[in-house]
């Protein structure tokens, strides 16, 4: 799989069809994903396998994932989102 193909696949998977999720995940994958280390890239892709309603709840800070890897990625995404304004 080429890097461009993988990037496009991840960008497409980040488009969830829920405005609230798209406003958080879209800019993250566009501006932040490439700068992540390989372990965080794997965590991000794993996070994308979760259900939209769970992601929605986590990104609205109503709850954190039980999985510590997912919880760390949610915090990272929210921190980067807040830093971008």
N, C-alpha and C. Protein backbone atom coordinates (compact mmCIF):
# COMPACT_ATOMS: atom_id res chain seq x y z
N UNK A 1 0.86 -1.18 0.00
CA UNK A 1 0.00 0.00 0.00
C UNK A 1 0.90 1.24 0.00
N UNK A 2 0.68 2.13 -0.94
CA UNK A 2 1.48 3.35 -1.00
C UNK A 2 1.09 4.29 0.12
N UNK A 3 2.01 5.19 0.46
CA UNK A 3 1.72 6.16 1.52
C UNK A 3 0.53 7.03 1.17
N UNK A 4 0.45 7.47 -0.09
CA UNK A 4 -0.66 8.32 -0.50
C UNK A 4 -1.99 7.56 -0.39
N UNK A 5 -1.98 6.31 -0.81
CA UNK A 5 -3.19 5.50 -0.70
C UNK A 5 -3.60 5.35 0.76
N UNK A 6 -2.63 5.06 1.63
CA UNK A 6 -2.92 4.90 3.06
C UNK A 6 -3.44 6.20 3.65
N UNK A 7 -2.83 7.32 3.29
CA UNK A 7 -3.29 8.63 3.79
C UNK A 7 -4.72 8.90 3.35
N UNK A 8 -5.02 8.63 2.11
CA UNK A 8 -6.38 8.86 1.60
C UNK A 8 -7.39 7.95 2.28
N UNK A 9 -7.00 6.71 2.54
CA UNK A 9 -7.89 5.77 3.22
C UNK A 9 -8.19 6.24 4.64
N UNK A 10 -7.18 6.73 5.33
CA UNK A 10 -7.35 7.22 6.70
C UNK A 10 -8.18 8.50 6.70
N UNK A 11 -7.91 9.38 5.74
CA UNK A 11 -8.70 10.62 5.64
C UNK A 11 -10.16 10.29 5.38
N UNK A 12 -10.41 9.33 4.51
CA UNK A 12 -11.79 8.94 4.21
C UNK A 12 -12.47 8.33 5.44
N UNK A 13 -11.75 7.49 6.16
CA UNK A 13 -12.31 6.86 7.37
C UNK A 13 -12.58 7.89 8.47
N UNK A 14 -11.88 9.02 8.41
CA UNK A 14 -12.08 10.09 9.40
C UNK A 14 -13.34 10.89 9.14
N UNK A 15 -13.89 10.77 7.94
CA UNK A 15 -15.14 11.45 7.60
C UNK A 15 -16.29 10.58 8.09
N UNK A 16 -16.96 11.04 9.12
CA UNK A 16 -17.94 10.20 9.78
C UNK A 16 -19.38 10.50 9.40
N UNK A 17 -19.63 11.66 8.84
CA UNK A 17 -20.99 12.02 8.49
C UNK A 17 -21.75 12.68 9.62
N UNK A 18 -21.11 12.84 10.75
CA UNK A 18 -21.68 13.62 11.86
C UNK A 18 -20.86 14.90 11.94
N UNK A 19 -21.51 16.02 11.82
CA UNK A 19 -20.81 17.30 11.77
C UNK A 19 -19.83 17.46 12.92
N UNK A 20 -20.28 17.14 14.13
CA UNK A 20 -19.43 17.33 15.31
C UNK A 20 -18.14 16.51 15.21
N UNK A 21 -18.26 15.29 14.73
CA UNK A 21 -17.07 14.45 14.58
C UNK A 21 -16.20 14.93 13.43
N UNK A 22 -16.83 15.31 12.34
CA UNK A 22 -16.07 15.78 11.18
C UNK A 22 -15.28 17.05 11.50
N UNK A 23 -15.82 17.91 12.36
CA UNK A 23 -15.13 19.15 12.73
C UNK A 23 -13.91 18.88 13.61
N UNK A 24 -13.89 17.77 14.29
CA UNK A 24 -12.74 17.41 15.13
C UNK A 24 -11.77 16.52 14.36
N UNK A 25 -12.27 15.46 13.75
CA UNK A 25 -11.40 14.48 13.11
C UNK A 25 -10.82 14.97 11.78
N UNK A 26 -11.60 15.73 11.01
CA UNK A 26 -11.11 16.22 9.72
C UNK A 26 -9.85 17.04 9.84
N UNK A 27 -9.87 18.11 10.64
CA UNK A 27 -8.65 18.90 10.80
C UNK A 27 -7.50 18.12 11.44
N UNK A 28 -7.83 17.20 12.35
CA UNK A 28 -6.78 16.41 12.98
C UNK A 28 -6.03 15.60 11.94
N UNK A 29 -6.76 14.91 11.09
CA UNK A 29 -6.09 14.07 10.10
C UNK A 29 -5.39 14.93 9.05
N UNK A 30 -5.94 16.10 8.76
CA UNK A 30 -5.35 16.99 7.76
C UNK A 30 -4.06 17.65 8.26
N UNK A 31 -4.07 18.12 9.51
CA UNK A 31 -2.96 18.93 10.00
C UNK A 31 -2.04 18.21 10.99
N UNK A 32 -2.50 17.18 11.63
CA UNK A 32 -1.74 16.57 12.72
C UNK A 32 -1.26 15.14 12.45
N UNK A 33 -2.01 14.39 11.68
CA UNK A 33 -1.74 12.96 11.54
C UNK A 33 -0.32 12.66 11.08
N UNK A 34 0.15 13.34 10.06
CA UNK A 34 1.48 13.05 9.51
C UNK A 34 2.59 13.27 10.52
N UNK A 35 2.38 14.15 11.49
CA UNK A 35 3.40 14.43 12.50
C UNK A 35 3.41 13.45 13.66
N UNK A 36 2.46 12.53 13.69
CA UNK A 36 2.40 11.55 14.77
C UNK A 36 3.48 10.49 14.60
N UNK A 37 3.91 9.92 15.72
CA UNK A 37 4.82 8.78 15.61
C UNK A 37 4.00 7.56 15.18
N UNK A 38 4.69 6.50 14.81
CA UNK A 38 4.00 5.33 14.26
C UNK A 38 3.01 4.73 15.25
N UNK A 39 3.37 4.71 16.53
CA UNK A 39 2.47 4.13 17.55
C UNK A 39 1.17 4.93 17.63
N UNK A 40 1.26 6.26 17.58
CA UNK A 40 0.05 7.08 17.63
C UNK A 40 -0.77 6.94 16.35
N UNK A 41 -0.12 6.74 15.23
CA UNK A 41 -0.86 6.51 13.98
C UNK A 41 -1.68 5.23 14.09
N UNK A 42 -1.08 4.20 14.66
CA UNK A 42 -1.80 2.93 14.85
C UNK A 42 -2.96 3.13 15.81
N UNK A 43 -2.75 3.89 16.88
CA UNK A 43 -3.83 4.17 17.84
C UNK A 43 -4.97 4.93 17.17
N UNK A 44 -4.63 5.89 16.32
CA UNK A 44 -5.66 6.67 15.64
C UNK A 44 -6.50 5.78 14.74
N UNK A 45 -5.84 4.96 13.95
CA UNK A 45 -6.57 4.05 13.05
C UNK A 45 -7.45 3.10 13.85
N UNK A 46 -6.96 2.62 14.97
CA UNK A 46 -7.76 1.76 15.84
C UNK A 46 -8.97 2.50 16.39
N UNK A 47 -8.77 3.76 16.77
CA UNK A 47 -9.88 4.57 17.28
C UNK A 47 -10.98 4.72 16.24
N UNK A 48 -10.59 4.83 14.97
CA UNK A 48 -11.58 5.00 13.90
C UNK A 48 -12.49 3.79 13.74
N UNK A 49 -12.12 2.67 14.31
CA UNK A 49 -12.95 1.47 14.23
C UNK A 49 -14.11 1.50 15.21
N UNK A 50 -14.12 2.46 16.11
CA UNK A 50 -15.19 2.58 17.10
C UNK A 50 -16.46 3.15 16.47
N UNK A 51 -17.57 2.93 17.13
CA UNK A 51 -18.86 3.42 16.66
C UNK A 51 -18.95 4.94 16.80
N UNK A 52 -19.67 5.56 15.87
CA UNK A 52 -19.82 7.02 15.89
C UNK A 52 -20.40 7.53 17.20
N UNK A 53 -21.39 6.85 17.74
CA UNK A 53 -22.00 7.34 18.98
C UNK A 53 -21.01 7.32 20.14
N UNK A 54 -20.09 6.36 20.16
CA UNK A 54 -19.06 6.34 21.19
C UNK A 54 -18.07 7.49 20.97
N UNK A 55 -17.63 7.66 19.73
CA UNK A 55 -16.72 8.77 19.43
C UNK A 55 -17.37 10.10 19.80
N UNK A 56 -18.61 10.27 19.46
CA UNK A 56 -19.34 11.50 19.77
C UNK A 56 -19.32 11.76 21.28
N UNK A 57 -19.62 10.76 22.06
CA UNK A 57 -19.64 10.90 23.52
C UNK A 57 -18.25 11.25 24.05
N UNK A 58 -17.24 10.60 23.52
CA UNK A 58 -15.88 10.85 23.99
C UNK A 58 -15.40 12.25 23.63
N UNK A 59 -15.69 12.69 22.42
CA UNK A 59 -15.20 14.00 22.00
C UNK A 59 -16.01 15.15 22.59
N UNK A 60 -17.19 14.85 23.08
CA UNK A 60 -17.95 15.88 23.80
C UNK A 60 -17.59 15.88 25.28
N UNK A 61 -16.59 15.09 25.63
CA UNK A 61 -16.07 14.99 27.00
C UNK A 61 -17.11 14.48 27.99
N UNK A 62 -18.10 13.77 27.50
CA UNK A 62 -19.10 13.18 28.38
C UNK A 62 -18.55 11.92 29.04
N UNK A 63 -17.53 11.34 28.45
CA UNK A 63 -16.99 10.07 28.92
C UNK A 63 -15.64 9.87 28.26
N UNK A 64 -14.84 8.96 28.79
CA UNK A 64 -13.59 8.56 28.15
C UNK A 64 -13.66 7.07 27.84
N UNK A 65 -12.98 6.64 26.81
CA UNK A 65 -12.97 5.21 26.49
C UNK A 65 -12.35 4.41 27.64
N UNK A 66 -12.81 3.19 27.81
CA UNK A 66 -12.21 2.30 28.81
C UNK A 66 -10.81 1.87 28.39
N UNK A 67 -10.61 1.72 27.11
CA UNK A 67 -9.29 1.33 26.59
C UNK A 67 -8.32 2.49 26.79
N UNK A 68 -7.23 2.30 27.54
CA UNK A 68 -6.30 3.40 27.80
C UNK A 68 -5.64 3.95 26.54
N UNK A 69 -5.45 3.10 25.53
CA UNK A 69 -4.87 3.56 24.26
C UNK A 69 -5.82 4.53 23.57
N UNK A 70 -7.09 4.18 23.55
CA UNK A 70 -8.09 5.06 22.94
C UNK A 70 -8.27 6.33 23.76
N UNK A 71 -8.25 6.21 25.08
CA UNK A 71 -8.39 7.38 25.94
C UNK A 71 -7.24 8.36 25.70
N UNK A 72 -6.03 7.85 25.56
CA UNK A 72 -4.88 8.71 25.29
C UNK A 72 -5.03 9.41 23.94
N UNK A 73 -5.53 8.69 22.94
CA UNK A 73 -5.69 9.30 21.62
C UNK A 73 -6.79 10.35 21.64
N UNK A 74 -7.89 10.09 22.33
CA UNK A 74 -8.97 11.08 22.45
C UNK A 74 -8.43 12.35 23.09
N UNK A 75 -7.66 12.21 24.16
CA UNK A 75 -7.08 13.39 24.82
C UNK A 75 -6.15 14.14 23.89
N UNK A 76 -5.32 13.41 23.14
CA UNK A 76 -4.41 14.04 22.19
C UNK A 76 -5.18 14.82 21.13
N UNK A 77 -6.20 14.21 20.56
CA UNK A 77 -7.00 14.87 19.53
C UNK A 77 -7.67 16.12 20.09
N UNK A 78 -8.25 16.02 21.28
CA UNK A 78 -8.90 17.18 21.89
C UNK A 78 -7.90 18.28 22.22
N UNK A 79 -6.71 17.91 22.70
CA UNK A 79 -5.68 18.91 22.99
C UNK A 79 -5.24 19.63 21.72
N UNK A 80 -5.01 18.88 20.66
CA UNK A 80 -4.59 19.50 19.39
C UNK A 80 -5.70 20.37 18.81
N UNK A 81 -6.94 19.91 18.96
CA UNK A 81 -8.08 20.68 18.47
C UNK A 81 -8.18 22.01 19.22
N UNK A 82 -8.01 21.98 20.54
CA UNK A 82 -8.07 23.20 21.35
C UNK A 82 -6.92 24.14 20.99
N UNK A 83 -5.75 23.59 20.70
CA UNK A 83 -4.60 24.42 20.36
C UNK A 83 -4.79 25.13 19.02
N UNK A 84 -5.51 24.50 18.10
CA UNK A 84 -5.77 25.13 16.79
C UNK A 84 -6.84 26.19 16.90
N UNK A 85 -7.60 26.15 17.97
CA UNK A 85 -8.65 27.15 18.17
C UNK A 85 -9.86 26.79 17.47
